[in-house]
């Protein structure tokens, strides 16, 4: 029998009391998207503390990766793989054609005017790509409406914590980038294309392609001075967004050099990622020149009540 607990949390500067089931089954699971045979795998990420950012000894460190901060992270599940086209297309088709769609016509995804996979692959396990952060969040909200389970994007701190998987070295596997080939698709081995998810070795927590393949959206607004604004010892930091852009991307991609795949490496959205979009105004859904960007899901162990979940999505989506 499930028990109901309470969680006191701060969301975008507001203190909220979440009603929440006490889930004692904190283990890997498969989620089926209702009405389909499409599944995705979620793996548990334990609570803990880690050092966010790069040490001064890291010769590849950038200014936006410092100063380092000791951060406490609450437990959550994370997608074992990046969200694939197979999963994402269920969302896209449902929003376009389903009579019982809960998303109104104004906020339905606009059709892609060209194939934004650029011939690199779609069905059969290739990562979804070329979408705005808004689109990734809309997918999360749609999935919540379909399953009753609250999914979202990871924060930057959660993403880096999960990518490191307990390691304190430059990479989760050590300090030598020559070992990347075992774990990641990047410039040296990708043949200039993203690949099917899950072909490389996972990290210590069972996460595949955290480094390379496609870079991954996070919840955070990108701020080059973000770490100087986070208190050392903070718990679950999420800087409050002040505008739609820019948002932060993590993990590096199939077209990046090894240093961009360090877990500490950060990247900001830039307008050039949509420079070839012919729409006026530019699409809020797609990124014509960011074929290297995708996303991965997070499910907090402590789930918000429905009203709080709805408020969260509206705040993140600017609605």
Protein backbone atom coordinates (compact mmCIF):
# COMPACT_ATOMS: atom_id res chain seq x y z
CA UNK A 1 0.00 0.00 0.00
CA UNK A 2 1.32 3.46 -0.93
CA UNK A 3 1.57 6.11 1.70
CA UNK A 4 1.25 9.82 1.10
CA UNK A 5 3.97 12.16 2.28
CA UNK A 6 4.68 15.87 2.02
CA UNK A 7 7.56 17.69 0.37
CA UNK A 8 8.42 21.32 1.01
CA UNK A 9 10.20 22.73 -2.04
CA UNK A 10 11.16 26.02 -3.62
CA UNK A 11 10.10 26.40 -7.25
CA UNK A 12 11.07 29.59 -9.05
CA UNK A 13 11.35 31.47 -5.81
CA UNK A 14 8.03 30.29 -4.37
CA UNK A 15 7.68 27.86 -1.46
CA UNK A 16 5.32 25.01 -2.36
CA UNK A 17 3.93 22.11 -0.36
CA UNK A 18 3.79 19.01 -2.57
CA UNK A 19 1.55 16.10 -1.69
CA UNK A 20 3.36 12.99 -2.69
CA UNK A 21 3.30 9.18 -2.69
CA UNK A 22 6.09 7.53 -0.74
CA UNK A 23 7.53 5.30 -3.48
CA UNK A 24 9.54 2.46 -1.99
CA UNK A 25 10.32 0.81 -5.33
CA UNK A 26 13.32 2.89 -6.31
CA UNK A 27 14.68 0.64 -9.05
CA UNK A 28 14.93 0.56 -12.86
CA UNK A 29 11.68 0.29 -14.77
CA UNK A 30 10.26 0.27 -18.29
CA UNK A 31 7.57 2.83 -19.15
CA UNK A 32 5.19 2.07 -22.02
CA UNK A 33 3.63 5.05 -23.76
CA UNK A 34 -0.13 4.36 -23.47
CA UNK A 35 -1.78 3.23 -26.68
CA UNK A 36 1.49 2.10 -28.22
CA UNK A 37 4.13 -0.60 -27.93
CA UNK A 38 6.83 2.07 -27.54
CA UNK A 39 8.79 1.84 -24.29
CA UNK A 40 11.64 3.69 -22.60
CA UNK A 41 13.82 2.71 -19.65
CA UNK A 42 14.37 4.75 -16.51
CA UNK A 43 17.19 4.09 -14.03
CA UNK A 44 17.45 5.30 -10.41
CA UNK A 45 20.02 7.96 -9.54
CA UNK A 46 20.74 7.93 -5.78
CA UNK A 47 20.81 11.03 -3.61
CA UNK A 48 24.25 12.37 -2.81
CA UNK A 49 26.65 15.25 -2.83
CA UNK A 50 29.20 16.12 -5.51
CA UNK A 51 31.43 18.93 -6.69
CA UNK A 52 29.85 20.88 -9.53
CA UNK A 53 32.18 22.44 -12.09
CA UNK A 54 35.85 22.22 -13.05
CA UNK A 55 38.94 22.46 -10.86
CA UNK A 56 41.65 24.97 -11.69
CA UNK A 57 43.88 22.02 -12.59
CA UNK A 58 41.67 21.18 -15.59
CA UNK A 59 43.48 22.77 -18.53
CA UNK A 60 40.31 22.63 -20.66
CA UNK A 61 38.15 24.37 -18.04
CA UNK A 62 36.17 27.42 -19.14
CA UNK A 63 35.25 30.42 -17.00
CA UNK A 64 31.58 29.38 -16.91
CA UNK A 65 32.54 26.08 -15.21
CA UNK A 66 33.88 27.85 -12.11
CA UNK A 67 34.01 28.39 -9.20
CA UNK A 68 33.38 24.83 -8.08
CA UNK A 69 30.52 24.25 -5.67
CA UNK A 70 29.61 21.39 -3.34
CA UNK A 71 26.02 20.45 -4.24
CA UNK A 72 23.48 18.09 -2.64
CA UNK A 73 21.19 16.25 -5.05
CA UNK A 74 17.88 14.55 -4.23
CA UNK A 75 17.12 11.10 -5.72
CA UNK A 76 15.54 10.82 -9.16
CA UNK A 77 15.16 8.52 -12.11
CA UNK A 78 16.81 9.40 -15.41
CA UNK A 79 16.27 8.02 -18.89
CA UNK A 80 18.82 5.31 -19.62
CA UNK A 81 18.90 6.65 -23.18
CA UNK A 82 18.28 9.91 -24.97
CA UNK A 83 14.67 10.29 -26.12
CA UNK A 84 14.43 8.62 -29.52
CA UNK A 85 12.55 9.56 -32.67
CA UNK A 86 10.35 6.51 -32.08
CA UNK A 87 9.19 8.01 -28.77
CA UNK A 88 9.08 11.61 -29.91
CA UNK A 89 7.06 10.84 -33.06
CA UNK A 90 4.25 9.40 -30.92
CA UNK A 91 4.01 12.82 -29.27
CA UNK A 92 4.22 14.71 -32.56
CA UNK A 93 1.57 12.60 -34.28
CA UNK A 94 -0.73 12.67 -31.25
CA UNK A 95 -0.54 16.44 -31.04
CA UNK A 96 -1.18 16.78 -34.76
CA UNK A 97 -4.00 14.33 -35.27
CA UNK A 98 -5.50 12.91 -32.06
CA UNK A 99 -9.06 14.07 -31.49
CA UNK A 100 -8.60 13.78 -27.74
CA UNK A 101 -5.43 15.87 -27.67
CA UNK A 102 -5.24 18.05 -24.56
CA UNK A 103 -3.06 20.60 -26.30
CA UNK A 104 -4.93 23.35 -28.07
CA UNK A 105 -4.36 24.17 -31.75
CA UNK A 106 -2.23 27.21 -31.00
CA UNK A 107 0.36 25.19 -29.13
CA UNK A 108 0.49 22.12 -31.40
CA UNK A 109 3.85 21.48 -33.03
CA UNK A 110 4.21 23.11 -36.41
CA UNK A 111 5.21 20.67 -39.18
CA UNK A 112 8.91 20.49 -39.98
CA UNK A 113 9.38 22.11 -43.38
CA UNK A 114 12.34 19.80 -44.12
CA UNK A 115 13.65 16.53 -42.68
CA UNK A 116 15.53 17.82 -39.64
CA UNK A 117 17.25 14.46 -39.12
CA UNK A 118 19.30 15.40 -42.19
CA UNK A 119 19.41 11.78 -43.28
CA UNK A 120 21.24 10.59 -40.16
CA UNK A 121 18.45 8.24 -39.09
CA UNK A 122 15.02 8.24 -37.44
CA UNK A 123 13.11 5.04 -36.66
CA UNK A 124 14.80 2.18 -34.88
CA UNK A 125 16.50 3.92 -31.98
CA UNK A 126 18.06 7.13 -33.25
CA UNK A 127 17.94 10.12 -30.89
CA UNK A 128 15.34 12.82 -31.47
CA UNK A 129 17.03 16.07 -32.46
CA UNK A 130 16.69 19.61 -33.79
CA UNK A 131 14.10 20.77 -31.28
CA UNK A 132 13.89 23.84 -29.08
CA UNK A 133 13.97 23.43 -25.31
CA UNK A 134 10.30 24.48 -25.40
CA UNK A 135 9.54 21.42 -27.52
CA UNK A 136 11.35 19.08 -25.15
CA UNK A 137 9.34 20.51 -22.26
CA UNK A 138 6.09 20.15 -24.18
CA UNK A 139 6.98 16.50 -24.70
CA UNK A 140 7.45 16.13 -20.93
CA UNK A 141 4.06 17.70 -20.23
CA UNK A 142 2.36 15.52 -22.85
CA UNK A 143 3.98 12.41 -21.34
CA UNK A 144 2.74 13.44 -17.89
CA UNK A 145 -0.79 13.80 -19.29
CA UNK A 146 -0.51 10.37 -20.91
CA UNK A 147 0.99 8.45 -17.99
CA UNK A 148 0.13 10.39 -14.84
CA UNK A 149 3.86 10.37 -14.01
CA UNK A 150 5.65 13.71 -13.68
CA UNK A 151 8.57 13.88 -16.11
CA UNK A 152 10.76 16.88 -16.84
CA UNK A 153 14.21 17.85 -18.08
CA UNK A 154 17.17 17.58 -15.69
CA UNK A 155 18.66 20.63 -14.06
CA UNK A 156 22.29 21.31 -14.94
CA UNK A 157 23.33 20.12 -11.50
CA UNK A 158 21.33 16.89 -11.83
CA UNK A 159 22.72 16.29 -15.31
CA UNK A 160 26.36 16.72 -14.24
CA UNK A 161 25.84 14.62 -11.11
CA UNK A 162 24.34 11.79 -13.17
CA UNK A 163 27.01 12.06 -15.87
CA UNK A 164 29.82 11.81 -13.33
CA UNK A 165 28.17 8.78 -11.67
CA UNK A 166 30.25 9.19 -8.53
CA UNK A 167 33.57 9.87 -10.29
CA UNK A 168 35.78 12.85 -9.45
CA UNK A 169 38.01 12.58 -12.53
CA UNK A 170 37.73 14.74 -15.67
CA UNK A 171 35.60 12.05 -17.30
CA UNK A 172 33.49 9.40 -15.54
CA UNK A 173 36.00 6.75 -16.63
CA UNK A 174 39.19 8.63 -15.74
CA UNK A 175 41.32 11.48 -17.01
CA UNK A 176 42.46 10.16 -20.40
CA UNK A 177 40.22 11.28 -23.31
CA UNK A 178 41.65 8.43 -25.40
CA UNK A 179 39.20 6.16 -23.55
CA UNK A 180 36.20 8.09 -24.87
CA UNK A 181 35.74 5.70 -27.76
CA UNK A 182 34.36 3.07 -25.38
CA UNK A 183 31.65 5.39 -24.05
CA UNK A 184 30.81 8.10 -26.57
CA UNK A 185 30.15 9.09 -30.15
CA UNK A 186 32.14 12.24 -30.87
CA UNK A 187 34.12 13.88 -33.65
CA UNK A 188 36.84 11.22 -33.72
CA UNK A 189 34.53 8.24 -34.29
CA UNK A 190 31.01 9.36 -35.29
CA UNK A 191 31.56 9.78 -39.05
CA UNK A 192 29.79 13.14 -38.78
CA UNK A 193 26.41 11.69 -37.70
CA UNK A 194 24.55 10.79 -34.54
CA UNK A 195 24.12 7.05 -33.96
CA UNK A 196 21.51 4.72 -32.48
CA UNK A 197 21.31 5.07 -28.71
CA UNK A 198 22.83 2.49 -26.39
CA UNK A 199 25.63 1.16 -28.59
CA UNK A 200 28.47 2.42 -26.40
CA UNK A 201 29.17 1.34 -22.83
CA UNK A 202 27.04 2.93 -20.06
CA UNK A 203 28.45 4.87 -17.13
CA UNK A 204 28.54 3.40 -13.62
CA UNK A 205 24.86 4.27 -13.03
CA UNK A 206 23.57 2.63 -16.23
CA UNK A 207 23.21 5.76 -18.38
CA UNK A 208 24.12 5.51 -22.06
CA UNK A 209 25.38 8.31 -24.31
CA UNK A 210 25.54 10.91 -21.55
CA UNK A 211 28.66 12.11 -23.33
CA UNK A 212 28.42 12.73 -27.06
CA UNK A 213 25.87 11.50 -29.63
CA UNK A 214 23.44 14.42 -29.22
CA UNK A 215 23.86 17.20 -26.67
CA UNK A 216 21.01 17.45 -24.17
CA UNK A 217 18.71 20.24 -23.01
CA UNK A 218 18.52 21.09 -19.33
CA UNK A 219 15.99 23.17 -17.38
CA UNK A 220 18.44 25.93 -16.52
CA UNK A 221 18.68 29.31 -18.12
CA UNK A 222 22.27 29.64 -19.26
CA UNK A 223 24.29 32.12 -17.22
CA UNK A 224 28.05 32.33 -17.59
CA UNK A 225 28.29 33.48 -13.96
CA UNK A 226 25.81 30.94 -12.58
CA UNK A 227 28.18 29.16 -10.20
CA UNK A 228 29.23 32.36 -8.46
CA UNK A 229 25.52 32.86 -7.65
CA UNK A 230 25.07 29.38 -6.13
CA UNK A 231 25.90 29.00 -2.44
CA UNK A 232 28.47 26.34 -1.62
CA UNK A 233 26.56 23.47 -0.03
CA UNK A 234 23.32 24.29 -1.89
CA UNK A 235 20.70 21.59 -2.48
CA UNK A 236 19.11 20.99 -5.90
CA UNK A 237 19.90 24.42 -7.38
CA UNK A 238 17.84 25.71 -10.30
CA UNK A 239 18.41 29.36 -11.25
CA UNK A 240 15.08 31.02 -11.92
CA UNK A 241 14.61 31.75 -15.66
CA UNK A 242 14.10 35.39 -16.54
CA UNK A 243 13.54 34.94 -20.30
CA UNK A 244 12.94 32.25 -22.91
CA UNK A 245 16.55 32.33 -24.09
CA UNK A 246 19.28 31.34 -23.61
CA UNK A 247 18.96 27.88 -22.05
CA UNK A 248 21.77 25.48 -21.17
CA UNK A 249 22.82 22.36 -23.08
CA UNK A 250 25.07 19.60 -21.73
CA UNK A 251 27.07 16.57 -22.83
CA UNK A 252 28.67 17.53 -26.12
CA UNK A 253 27.70 15.87 -29.39
CA UNK A 254 28.82 13.67 -32.23
CA UNK A 255 30.54 16.61 -33.91
CA UNK A 256 32.49 17.84 -30.86
CA UNK A 257 36.10 17.38 -29.76
CA UNK A 258 36.87 15.43 -26.60
CA UNK A 259 37.12 18.46 -24.28
CA UNK A 260 33.48 19.40 -25.01
CA UNK A 261 32.42 16.00 -23.66
CA UNK A 262 33.76 16.59 -20.16
CA UNK A 263 30.82 16.37 -17.71
CA UNK A 264 31.64 19.89 -16.49
CA UNK A 265 31.45 21.43 -19.97
CA UNK A 266 28.54 23.82 -20.53
CA UNK A 267 27.01 25.23 -23.70
CA UNK A 268 24.49 27.98 -24.33
CA UNK A 269 21.73 28.18 -26.91
CA UNK A 270 22.59 30.75 -29.59
CA UNK A 271 20.36 32.36 -32.24
CA UNK A 272 22.48 30.89 -35.05
CA UNK A 273 21.04 27.47 -34.21
CA UNK A 274 17.92 28.57 -36.11
CA UNK A 275 19.36 30.83 -38.79
CA UNK A 276 17.96 28.90 -41.78
CA UNK A 277 14.39 28.74 -40.46
CA UNK A 278 12.27 30.46 -43.18
CA UNK A 279 9.33 31.15 -40.86
CA UNK A 280 8.59 34.67 -39.65
CA UNK A 281 8.78 34.77 -36.71
CA UNK A 282 11.23 31.92 -36.22
CA UNK A 283 9.74 28.63 -35.05
CA UNK A 284 9.46 28.14 -31.29
CA UNK A 285 9.45 24.37 -31.89
CA UNK A 286 12.40 23.53 -34.14
CA UNK A 287 16.07 24.38 -34.63
CA UNK A 288 17.11 24.07 -38.26
CA UNK A 289 20.82 24.31 -37.47
CA UNK A 290 20.98 22.39 -34.18
CA UNK A 291 20.80 18.84 -35.53
CA UNK A 292 23.19 17.97 -32.68
CA UNK A 293 20.73 18.79 -29.84
CA UNK A 294 18.29 16.37 -28.20
CA UNK A 295 17.12 15.61 -24.65
CA UNK A 296 16.73 13.06 -21.86
CA UNK A 297 14.02 12.62 -19.23
CA UNK A 298 14.08 12.92 -15.46
CA UNK A 299 11.45 11.73 -12.98
CA UNK A 300 11.89 13.06 -9.42
CA UNK A 301 11.45 10.40 -6.75
CA UNK A 302 9.15 12.80 -4.90
CA UNK A 303 6.31 13.55 -7.30
CA UNK A 304 4.38 16.84 -7.17
CA UNK A 305 0.61 16.96 -6.78
CA UNK A 306 -1.31 17.58 -10.04
CA UNK A 307 -1.87 21.29 -9.40
CA UNK A 308 1.82 21.80 -8.64
CA UNK A 309 2.86 19.83 -11.71
CA UNK A 310 0.63 21.98 -13.91
CA UNK A 311 2.02 25.15 -12.34
CA UNK A 312 5.56 23.90 -12.96
CA UNK A 313 4.96 23.27 -16.67
CA UNK A 314 3.22 26.62 -17.12
CA UNK A 315 6.06 28.48 -15.44
CA UNK A 316 8.72 26.70 -17.50
CA UNK A 317 6.80 27.10 -20.76
CA UNK A 318 5.94 30.75 -20.16
CA UNK A 319 2.20 30.11 -20.27
